[in-house]
Structures are given as structure tokens and as C-alpha cells.
Amino acid sequence: MTAAVSYMRCSGDGQIDGDTWNRQTEKIQALAARLGFEIEKEWREEGISGKIECEQRPAFQAMLAELLSNGCRTIIVEDLSRLARRYAVQEQILLYLCAKGITLWTCANGGQNITEEMNQDPTKRLLIGIVGLVSQWEREQLVEKLKIARQHMRKNLGRCEGRKPFGEHPKFPEEKEVVISMLALDKQGYKPDEIARILNSDGVPTRGTKHGKSPWHPSTINKILARNRNKVLSCA
């Protein structure tokens, strides 16, 4: 069976405790069974007007984020009014779903593949392509902005992502004392392999010790020393 999700919506708070969910669920499950879909998750938009655009619908946004990451590409709704009541909002959502390769089925008229019908219309197909290109352009712009921001942070701070180096993690302030001890031994002429033996002999833990025995290695000591020799450290 093919995986699908259901999207249900009710506009008034007074409807939340009514039979709207049962009605929508029954119709969606019946269509899914007939078409060979398995509903793996239900999404409910509670107290959201059908005139509200998709950006302001928390359940819809969460559903999209999950679908675009887990491989499921089918949504089933009771009818298009559950998707949106305003035509402009409905059109916007449908174009976006098509551009993302997500298929929308409704239970109306015995079951309709809305995505397929839209793709058969040349004008709609053109609009779908435009939405897809705009979406790709937005992603590329975001990637470029993040790249510039990372470069700026690296220039000013030396690093901007990844695991924090030993001695610089705010959750492990005791590491700074270990780094100071390493620097003191280094200043006395001890080599990285000798410092590693001393730390291991004294039972000084590495950050990975809590996940199992993880001894100090000369290569690790060498990296820490190289990174901290020109820094002024304080345990205060």
C-alpha cells in the first residue's frame, strides 16, 4: 500500500468537539482504502478559517515539513473547502503542492486527483513551473546568505559551526582547567605523547569518557595545544 496523510480542518472553535473530525476521517479512510492508500498520519487544523493562507496554518506547515523530509507525497482531504474556502488561497496551496511533487486527492465526486487535473491544464502547468522556479531561487538565495554569514563568523570568531573544541564548551567549564594544565606542561618542554601519558595516568577524563573509556592521544593533545598557545585562558 502507498503511504498517504490526511489533512482535516475546522474553522470554528465550537466545531472542534463536534462530529466534523469523525465525518472527515470516515470519508478519507474510505477513499484511501478504495485507492490502496494507507493513512500513516492525520493532521488537524483546529479553529482555522478557510480564508487563512497556508503560511499561517501551523498544522499545514508542520505537515509539509514532514512530507518533504520523509518521502510520503500524498495528501487526502474531504473536499477542497477543507483545504481552503477562498479560491485565491486554494490556488496558491495547490500550485505549491504541485511544484513540490505532492499529490492531493479529495473525496468529492467519488475521489479526484486534483494534482493530475491541474497538470493537464497548460496554463496551470506553466504556473506550477513558475512556482517551482521561484521556490528554487528562494532556496539558493537562502543558501548564499547562510554561506556569507558563516564566512563572516569564521573571519571574526575563527569558527561558526560543528562541535565546540575541548576547553570552549560552556557545559564543560572544567575542560578549561585541563587545557591550562596541558599548556603548562607544554611550556615545561613536555611532548604531546608525554602529556597524554600523564593525563591518562592521572585519570583526567576526555569529553568522550562519559560514553565509555576514551584515553588521551598525542594527536588530540597537539591540536588542543596548537589552538590555545596564543590564547589567554583563565579558570576564574
C-alpha atoms as a PDB file:
ATOM      1  CA  MET A   1       0.000   0.000   0.000  1.00  0.00           C
ATOM      2  CA  THR A   2       1.114   3.563  -0.720  1.00  0.00           C
ATOM      3  CA  ALA A   3       1.641   5.895   2.216  1.00  0.00           C
ATOM      4  CA  ALA A   4      -0.549   8.981   2.496  1.00  0.00           C
ATOM      5  CA  VAL A   5      -1.584  11.509   5.117  1.00  0.00           C
ATOM      6  CA  SER A   6      -4.928  13.146   5.786  1.00  0.00           C
ATOM      7  CA  TYR A   7      -5.439  16.864   6.266  1.00  0.00           C
ATOM      8  CA  MET A   8      -8.557  17.999   8.110  1.00  0.00           C
ATOM      9  CA  ARG A   9      -9.689  21.476   9.103  1.00  0.00           C
ATOM     10  CA  CYS A  10     -12.497  23.104  11.030  1.00  0.00           C
ATOM     11  CA  SER A  11     -12.912  26.877  11.153  1.00  0.00           C
ATOM     12  CA  GLY A  12     -14.741  27.442  14.437  1.00  0.00           C
ATOM     13  CA  ASP A  13     -13.726  26.504  17.961  1.00  0.00           C
ATOM     14  CA  GLY A  14     -17.278  25.263  18.512  1.00  0.00           C
ATOM     15  CA  GLN A  15     -16.814  22.613  15.821  1.00  0.00           C
ATOM     16  CA  ILE A  16     -13.738  21.044  17.409  1.00  0.00           C
ATOM     17  CA  ASP A  17     -15.804  18.907  19.774  1.00  0.00           C
ATOM     18  CA  GLY A  18     -18.490  18.176  17.178  1.00  0.00           C
ATOM     19  CA  ASP A  19     -18.685  15.418  14.559  1.00  0.00           C
ATOM     20  CA  THR A  20     -16.528  17.198  11.959  1.00  0.00           C
ATOM     21  CA  TRP A  21     -13.459  15.050  12.672  1.00  0.00           C
ATOM     22  CA  ASN A  22     -15.406  11.786  12.537  1.00  0.00           C
ATOM     23  CA  ARG A  23     -17.089  12.792   9.278  1.00  0.00           C
ATOM     24  CA  GLN A  24     -13.855  13.851   7.583  1.00  0.00           C
ATOM     25  CA  THR A  25     -11.970  10.809   8.866  1.00  0.00           C
ATOM     26  CA  GLU A  26     -14.609   8.342   7.639  1.00  0.00           C
ATOM     27  CA  LYS A  27     -14.651   9.789   4.128  1.00  0.00           C
ATOM     28  CA  ILE A  28     -10.866   9.972   3.878  1.00  0.00           C
ATOM     29  CA  GLN A  29     -10.351   6.446   5.200  1.00  0.00           C
ATOM     30  CA  ALA A  30     -12.971   5.070   2.775  1.00  0.00           C
ATOM     31  CA  LEU A  31     -11.284   6.707  -0.228  1.00  0.00           C
ATOM     32  CA  ALA A  32      -7.837   5.631   0.946  1.00  0.00           C
ATOM     33  CA  ALA A  33      -8.957   2.001   1.252  1.00  0.00           C
ATOM     34  CA  ARG A  34     -10.514   2.067  -2.213  1.00  0.00           C
ATOM     35  CA  LEU A  35      -7.423   3.562  -3.856  1.00  0.00           C
ATOM     36  CA  GLY A  36      -4.896   1.435  -1.953  1.00  0.00           C
ATOM     37  CA  PHE A  37      -3.509   4.161   0.310  1.00  0.00           C
ATOM     38  CA  GLU A  38      -2.568   3.710   3.939  1.00  0.00           C
ATOM     39  CA  ILE A  39      -3.093   6.798   6.095  1.00  0.00           C
ATOM     40  CA  GLU A  40       0.058   6.948   8.191  1.00  0.00           C
ATOM     41  CA  LYS A  41      -0.746  10.214   9.946  1.00  0.00           C
ATOM     42  CA  GLU A  42      -3.664  12.608  10.491  1.00  0.00           C
ATOM     43  CA  TRP A  43      -3.177  16.363  10.546  1.00  0.00           C
ATOM     44  CA  ARG A  44      -5.863  18.543  12.131  1.00  0.00           C
ATOM     45  CA  GLU A  45      -6.138  22.305  11.724  1.00  0.00           C
ATOM     46  CA  GLU A  46      -8.278  23.348  14.661  1.00  0.00           C
ATOM     47  CA  GLY A  47     -10.170  26.656  14.658  1.00  0.00           C
ATOM     48  CA  ILE A  48      -8.506  27.962  11.482  1.00  0.00           C
ATOM     49  CA  SER A  49     -10.609  29.780   8.895  1.00  0.00           C
ATOM     50  CA  GLY A  50     -10.557  28.521   5.319  1.00  0.00           C
ATOM     51  CA  LYS A  51      -9.666  32.070   4.266  1.00  0.00           C
ATOM     52  CA  ILE A  52      -6.336  31.946   6.104  1.00  0.00           C
ATOM     53  CA  GLU A  53      -3.278  31.434   3.900  1.00  0.00           C
ATOM     54  CA  CYS A  54      -1.133  28.328   4.365  1.00  0.00           C
ATOM     55  CA  GLU A  55       1.754  30.254   5.956  1.00  0.00           C
ATOM     56  CA  GLN A  56      -0.487  30.942   8.969  1.00  0.00           C
ATOM     57  CA  ARG A  57      -1.620  27.348   9.441  1.00  0.00           C
ATOM     58  CA  PRO A  58       0.599  25.537  11.973  1.00  0.00           C
ATOM     59  CA  ALA A  59      -0.650  22.004  11.214  1.00  0.00           C
ATOM     60  CA  PHE A  60      -0.326  22.523   7.448  1.00  0.00           C
ATOM     61  CA  GLN A  61       3.212  23.874   7.789  1.00  0.00           C
ATOM     62  CA  ALA A  62       4.237  21.006  10.078  1.00  0.00           C
ATOM     63  CA  MET A  63       2.714  18.502   7.642  1.00  0.00           C
ATOM     64  CA  LEU A  64       4.616  19.969   4.686  1.00  0.00           C
ATOM     65  CA  ALA A  65       7.906  19.946   6.579  1.00  0.00           C
ATOM     66  CA  GLU A  66       7.429  16.280   7.442  1.00  0.00           C
ATOM     67  CA  LEU A  67       6.324  15.238   3.951  1.00  0.00           C
ATOM     68  CA  LEU A  68       9.302  16.928   2.319  1.00  0.00           C
ATOM     69  CA  SER A  69      11.648  15.012   4.605  1.00  0.00           C
ATOM     70  CA  ASN A  70      10.108  11.534   4.874  1.00  0.00           C
ATOM     71  CA  GLY A  71       9.280  10.666   1.256  1.00  0.00           C
ATOM     72  CA  CYS A  72       5.477  10.497   1.568  1.00  0.00           C
ATOM     73  CA  ARG A  73       3.951  12.510  -1.280  1.00  0.00           C
ATOM     74  CA  THR A  74       0.172  12.135  -0.997  1.00  0.00           C
ATOM     75  CA  ILE A  75      -2.399  14.183   0.923  1.00  0.00           C
ATOM     76  CA  ILE A  76      -6.102  13.323   1.100  1.00  0.00           C
ATOM     77  CA  VAL A  77      -8.763  15.852   2.132  1.00  0.00           C
ATOM     78  CA  GLU A  78     -12.539  15.562   2.435  1.00  0.00           C
ATOM     79  CA  ASP A  79     -13.030  18.266  -0.221  1.00  0.00           C
ATOM     80  CA  LEU A  80     -11.312  21.424  -1.421  1.00  0.00           C
ATOM     81  CA  SER A  81     -13.222  23.570   1.075  1.00  0.00           C
ATOM     82  CA  ARG A  82     -11.308  21.773   3.856  1.00  0.00           C
ATOM     83  CA  LEU A  83      -8.112  22.862   2.121  1.00  0.00           C
ATOM     84  CA  ALA A  84      -9.315  26.463   1.715  1.00  0.00           C
ATOM     85  CA  ARG A  85     -12.550  28.329   1.075  1.00  0.00           C
ATOM     86  CA  ARG A  86     -11.103  31.335  -0.750  1.00  0.00           C
ATOM     87  CA  TYR A  87     -10.241  30.444  -4.345  1.00  0.00           C
ATOM     88  CA  ALA A  88      -7.039  32.526  -4.304  1.00  0.00           C
ATOM     89  CA  VAL A  89      -5.774  30.716  -1.192  1.00  0.00           C
ATOM     90  CA  GLN A  90      -6.845  27.365  -2.635  1.00  0.00           C
ATOM     91  CA  GLU A  91      -4.990  28.072  -5.877  1.00  0.00           C
ATOM     92  CA  GLN A  92      -1.866  29.168  -4.025  1.00  0.00           C
ATOM     93  CA  ILE A  93      -1.763  25.968  -1.969  1.00  0.00           C
ATOM     94  CA  LEU A  94      -2.437  23.714  -4.966  1.00  0.00           C
ATOM     95  CA  LEU A  95       0.292  25.330  -7.061  1.00  0.00           C
ATOM     96  CA  TYR A  96       2.750  24.979  -4.202  1.00  0.00           C
ATOM     97  CA  LEU A  97       1.917  21.299  -3.657  1.00  0.00           C
ATOM     98  CA  CYS A  98       2.270  20.556  -7.371  1.00  0.00           C
ATOM     99  CA  ALA A  99       5.612  22.331  -7.526  1.00  0.00           C
ATOM    100  CA  LYS A 100       6.842  20.185  -4.634  1.00  0.00           C
ATOM    101  CA  GLY A 101       5.682  16.957  -6.273  1.00  0.00           C
ATOM    102  CA  ILE A 102       2.946  16.358  -3.687  1.00  0.00           C
ATOM    103  CA  THR A 103      -0.303  14.788  -4.900  1.00  0.00           C
ATOM    104  CA  LEU A 104      -3.628  15.969  -3.479  1.00  0.00           C
ATOM    105  CA  TRP A 105      -6.734  13.792  -3.515  1.00  0.00           C
ATOM    106  CA  THR A 106     -10.231  14.863  -2.450  1.00  0.00           C
ATOM    107  CA  CYS A 107     -13.140  12.598  -1.570  1.00  0.00           C
ATOM    108  CA  ALA A 108     -15.552  14.697  -3.665  1.00  0.00           C
ATOM    109  CA  ASN A 109     -17.221  13.101  -6.694  1.00  0.00           C
ATOM    110  CA  GLY A 110     -16.028   9.648  -5.744  1.00  0.00           C
ATOM    111  CA  GLY A 111     -12.410  10.748  -5.471  1.00  0.00           C
ATOM    112  CA  GLN A 112     -10.459  13.294  -7.518  1.00  0.00           C
ATOM    113  CA  ASN A 113      -6.746  13.573  -8.136  1.00  0.00           C
ATOM    114  CA  ILE A 114      -6.568  17.381  -8.094  1.00  0.00           C
ATOM    115  CA  THR A 115      -2.847  17.445  -8.876  1.00  0.00           C
ATOM    116  CA  GLU A 116      -3.351  15.393 -12.036  1.00  0.00           C
ATOM    117  CA  GLU A 117      -6.196  17.641 -13.181  1.00  0.00           C
ATOM    118  CA  MET A 118      -4.077  20.746 -12.656  1.00  0.00           C
ATOM    119  CA  ASN A 119      -1.182  19.282 -14.641  1.00  0.00           C
ATOM    120  CA  GLN A 120      -3.500  18.630 -17.586  1.00  0.00           C
ATOM    121  CA  ASP A 121      -4.272  22.345 -17.843  1.00  0.00           C
ATOM    122  CA  PRO A 122      -1.465  24.070 -19.857  1.00  0.00           C
ATOM    123  CA  THR A 123      -1.870  27.384 -18.035  1.00  0.00           C
ATOM    124  CA  LYS A 124      -1.847  25.728 -14.622  1.00  0.00           C
ATOM    125  CA  ARG A 125       1.179  23.653 -15.670  1.00  0.00           C
ATOM    126  CA  LEU A 126       3.010  26.879 -16.576  1.00  0.00           C
ATOM    127  CA  LEU A 127       2.142  28.402 -13.200  1.00  0.00           C
ATOM    128  CA  ILE A 128       3.322  25.261 -11.406  1.00  0.00           C
ATOM    129  CA  GLY A 129       6.680  25.560 -13.187  1.00  0.00           C
ATOM    130  CA  ILE A 130       6.972  29.241 -12.229  1.00  0.00           C
ATOM    131  CA  VAL A 131       6.232  28.477  -8.573  1.00  0.00           C
ATOM    132  CA  GLY A 132       8.859  25.726  -8.636  1.00  0.00           C
ATOM    133  CA  LEU A 133      11.482  28.070 -10.107  1.00  0.00           C
ATOM    134  CA  VAL A 134      10.701  30.780  -7.556  1.00  0.00           C
ATOM    135  CA  SER A 135      10.952  28.219  -4.758  1.00  0.00           C
ATOM    136  CA  GLN A 136      14.341  27.048  -6.074  1.00  0.00           C
ATOM    137  CA  TRP A 137      15.547  30.662  -6.364  1.00  0.00           C
ATOM    138  CA  GLU A 138      14.493  31.351  -2.756  1.00  0.00           C
ATOM    139  CA  ARG A 139      16.389  28.262  -1.540  1.00  0.00           C
ATOM    140  CA  GLU A 140      19.522  29.288  -3.444  1.00  0.00           C
ATOM    141  CA  GLN A 141      19.316  32.831  -2.049  1.00  0.00           C
ATOM    142  CA  LEU A 142      18.995  31.449   1.483  1.00  0.00           C
ATOM    143  CA  VAL A 143      21.972  29.116   0.977  1.00  0.00           C
ATOM    144  CA  GLU A 144      24.067  32.037  -0.281  1.00  0.00           C
ATOM    145  CA  LYS A 145      23.080  34.241   2.673  1.00  0.00           C
ATOM    146  CA  LEU A 146      23.957  31.481   5.141  1.00  0.00           C
ATOM    147  CA  LYS A 147      27.279  30.929   3.377  1.00  0.00           C
ATOM    148  CA  ILE A 148      28.170  34.629   3.676  1.00  0.00           C
ATOM    149  CA  ALA A 149      27.120  34.653   7.343  1.00  0.00           C
ATOM    150  CA  ARG A 150      29.319  31.609   8.088  1.00  0.00           C
ATOM    151  CA  GLN A 151      32.290  33.204   6.332  1.00  0.00           C
ATOM    152  CA  HIS A 152      31.795  36.374   8.362  1.00  0.00           C
ATOM    153  CA  MET A 153      31.659  34.400  11.623  1.00  0.00           C
ATOM    154  CA  ARG A 154      34.772  32.395  10.714  1.00  0.00           C
ATOM    155  CA  LYS A 155      36.644  35.620   9.977  1.00  0.00           C
ATOM    156  CA  ASN A 156      35.694  37.169  13.322  1.00  0.00           C
ATOM    157  CA  LEU A 157      35.475  34.137  15.604  1.00  0.00           C
ATOM    158  CA  GLY A 158      37.609  31.515  13.889  1.00  0.00           C
ATOM    159  CA  ARG A 159      34.731  29.023  13.650  1.00  0.00           C
ATOM    160  CA  CYS A 160      30.931  29.055  13.441  1.00  0.00           C
ATOM    161  CA  GLU A 161      29.569  25.536  13.492  1.00  0.00           C
ATOM    162  CA  GLY A 162      30.184  21.975  14.499  1.00  0.00           C
ATOM    163  CA  ARG A 163      31.240  20.518  17.822  1.00  0.00           C
ATOM    164  CA  LYS A 164      32.792  23.064  20.178  1.00  0.00           C
ATOM    165  CA  PRO A 165      36.507  22.412  20.769  1.00  0.00           C
ATOM    166  CA  PHE A 166      37.736  20.946  24.033  1.00  0.00           C
ATOM    167  CA  GLY A 167      38.009  23.743  26.585  1.00  0.00           C
ATOM    168  CA  GLU A 168      35.441  26.011  24.884  1.00  0.00           C
ATOM    169  CA  HIS A 169      32.159  24.258  25.645  1.00  0.00           C
ATOM    170  CA  PRO A 170      30.001  26.232  28.164  1.00  0.00           C
ATOM    171  CA  LYS A 171      28.573  22.971  29.545  1.00  0.00           C
ATOM    172  CA  PHE A 172      32.029  21.656  30.460  1.00  0.00           C
ATOM    173  CA  PRO A 173      33.866  24.509  32.244  1.00  0.00           C
ATOM    174  CA  GLU A 174      36.234  22.003  33.876  1.00  0.00           C
ATOM    175  CA  GLU A 175      37.815  21.382  30.460  1.00  0.00           C
ATOM    176  CA  LYS A 176      39.429  24.805  30.571  1.00  0.00           C
ATOM    177  CA  GLU A 177      41.464  23.736  33.618  1.00  0.00           C
ATOM    178  CA  VAL A 178      42.686  20.682  31.706  1.00  0.00           C
ATOM    179  CA  VAL A 179      43.764  22.882  28.787  1.00  0.00           C
ATOM    180  CA  ILE A 180      45.679  25.167  31.158  1.00  0.00           C
ATOM    181  CA  SER A 181      47.454  22.107  32.597  1.00  0.00           C
ATOM    182  CA  MET A 182      48.373  20.975  29.078  1.00  0.00           C
ATOM    183  CA  LEU A 183      49.793  24.414  28.270  1.00  0.00           C
ATOM    184  CA  ALA A 184      51.815  24.416  31.494  1.00  0.00           C
ATOM    185  CA  LEU A 185      53.332  21.010  30.654  1.00  0.00           C
ATOM    186  CA  ASP A 186      53.975  22.149  27.080  1.00  0.00           C
ATOM    187  CA  LYS A 187      55.809  25.221  28.384  1.00  0.00           C
ATOM    188  CA  GLN A 188      57.988  22.951  30.543  1.00  0.00           C
ATOM    189  CA  GLY A 189      59.051  21.088  27.398  1.00  0.00           C
ATOM    190  CA  TYR A 190      56.850  18.008  27.596  1.00  0.00           C
ATOM    191  CA  LYS A 191      55.930  16.471  24.225  1.00  0.00           C
ATOM    192  CA  PRO A 192      52.294  15.645  23.282  1.00  0.00           C
ATOM    193  CA  ASP A 193      52.846  11.900  23.824  1.00  0.00           C
ATOM    194  CA  GLU A 194      54.284  12.584  27.290  1.00  0.00           C
ATOM    195  CA  ILE A 195      51.386  14.891  28.180  1.00  0.00           C
ATOM    196  CA  ALA A 196      48.930  12.219  27.021  1.00  0.00           C
ATOM    197  CA  ARG A 197      50.609   9.632  29.287  1.00  0.00           C
ATOM    198  CA  ILE A 198      50.464  12.000  32.254  1.00  0.00           C
ATOM    199  CA  LEU A 199      46.772  12.814  31.742  1.00  0.00           C
ATOM    200  CA  ASN A 200      45.869   9.149  31.288  1.00  0.00           C
ATOM    201  CA  SER A 201      47.908   8.164  34.334  1.00  0.00           C
ATOM    202  CA  ASP A 202      46.177  10.828  36.450  1.00  0.00           C
ATOM    203  CA  GLY A 203      42.745   9.708  35.217  1.00  0.00           C
ATOM    204  CA  VAL A 204      41.924  13.056  33.631  1.00  0.00           C
ATOM    205  CA  PRO A 205      38.754  12.450  31.560  1.00  0.00           C
ATOM    206  CA  THR A 206      38.282  13.345  27.928  1.00  0.00           C
ATOM    207  CA  ARG A 207      34.904  14.597  26.825  1.00  0.00           C
ATOM    208  CA  GLY A 208      34.064  11.167  25.462  1.00  0.00           C
ATOM    209  CA  THR A 209      34.794   9.380  28.742  1.00  0.00           C
ATOM    210  CA  LYS A 210      31.157   9.514  29.874  1.00  0.00           C
ATOM    211  CA  HIS A 211      30.272   7.433  26.797  1.00  0.00           C
ATOM    212  CA  GLY A 212      32.962   4.851  27.522  1.00  0.00           C
ATOM    213  CA  LYS A 213      36.719   4.749  28.103  1.00  0.00           C
ATOM    214  CA  SER A 214      38.386   7.253  25.816  1.00  0.00           C
ATOM    215  CA  PRO A 215      42.101   7.845  26.542  1.00  0.00           C
ATOM    216  CA  TRP A 216      44.108  10.869  25.546  1.00  0.00           C
ATOM    217  CA  HIS A 217      46.070  10.601  22.297  1.00  0.00           C
ATOM    218  CA  PRO A 218      49.118  12.683  21.304  1.00  0.00           C
ATOM    219  CA  SER A 219      47.404  13.908  18.117  1.00  0.00           C
ATOM    220  CA  THR A 220      44.499  15.272  20.181  1.00  0.00           C
ATOM    221  CA  ILE A 221      46.874  16.966  22.610  1.00  0.00           C
ATOM    222  CA  ASN A 222      48.776  18.513  19.705  1.00  0.00           C
ATOM    223  CA  LYS A 223      45.595  20.025  18.203  1.00  0.00           C
ATOM    224  CA  ILE A 224      44.482  21.461  21.537  1.00  0.00           C
ATOM    225  CA  LEU A 225      47.911  22.984  22.189  1.00  0.00           C
ATOM    226  CA  ALA A 226      48.116  24.485  18.692  1.00  0.00           C
ATOM    227  CA  ARG A 227      44.698  26.053  19.102  1.00  0.00           C
ATOM    228  CA  ASN A 228      45.358  27.510  22.577  1.00  0.00           C
ATOM    229  CA  ARG A 229      49.040  28.523  22.742  1.00  0.00           C
ATOM    230  CA  ASN A 230      48.282  32.106  21.754  1.00  0.00           C
ATOM    231  CA  LYS A 231      45.159  32.450  23.917  1.00  0.00           C
ATOM    232  CA  VAL A 232      44.959  33.878  27.410  1.00  0.00           C
ATOM    233  CA  LEU A 233      42.958  31.393  29.473  1.00  0.00           C
ATOM    234  CA  SER A 234      41.553  31.794  32.953  1.00  0.00           C
ATOM    235  CA  CYS A 235      39.779  29.383  35.263  1.00  0.00           C
ATOM    236  CA  ALA A 236      38.156  32.185  37.232  1.00  0.00           C
END
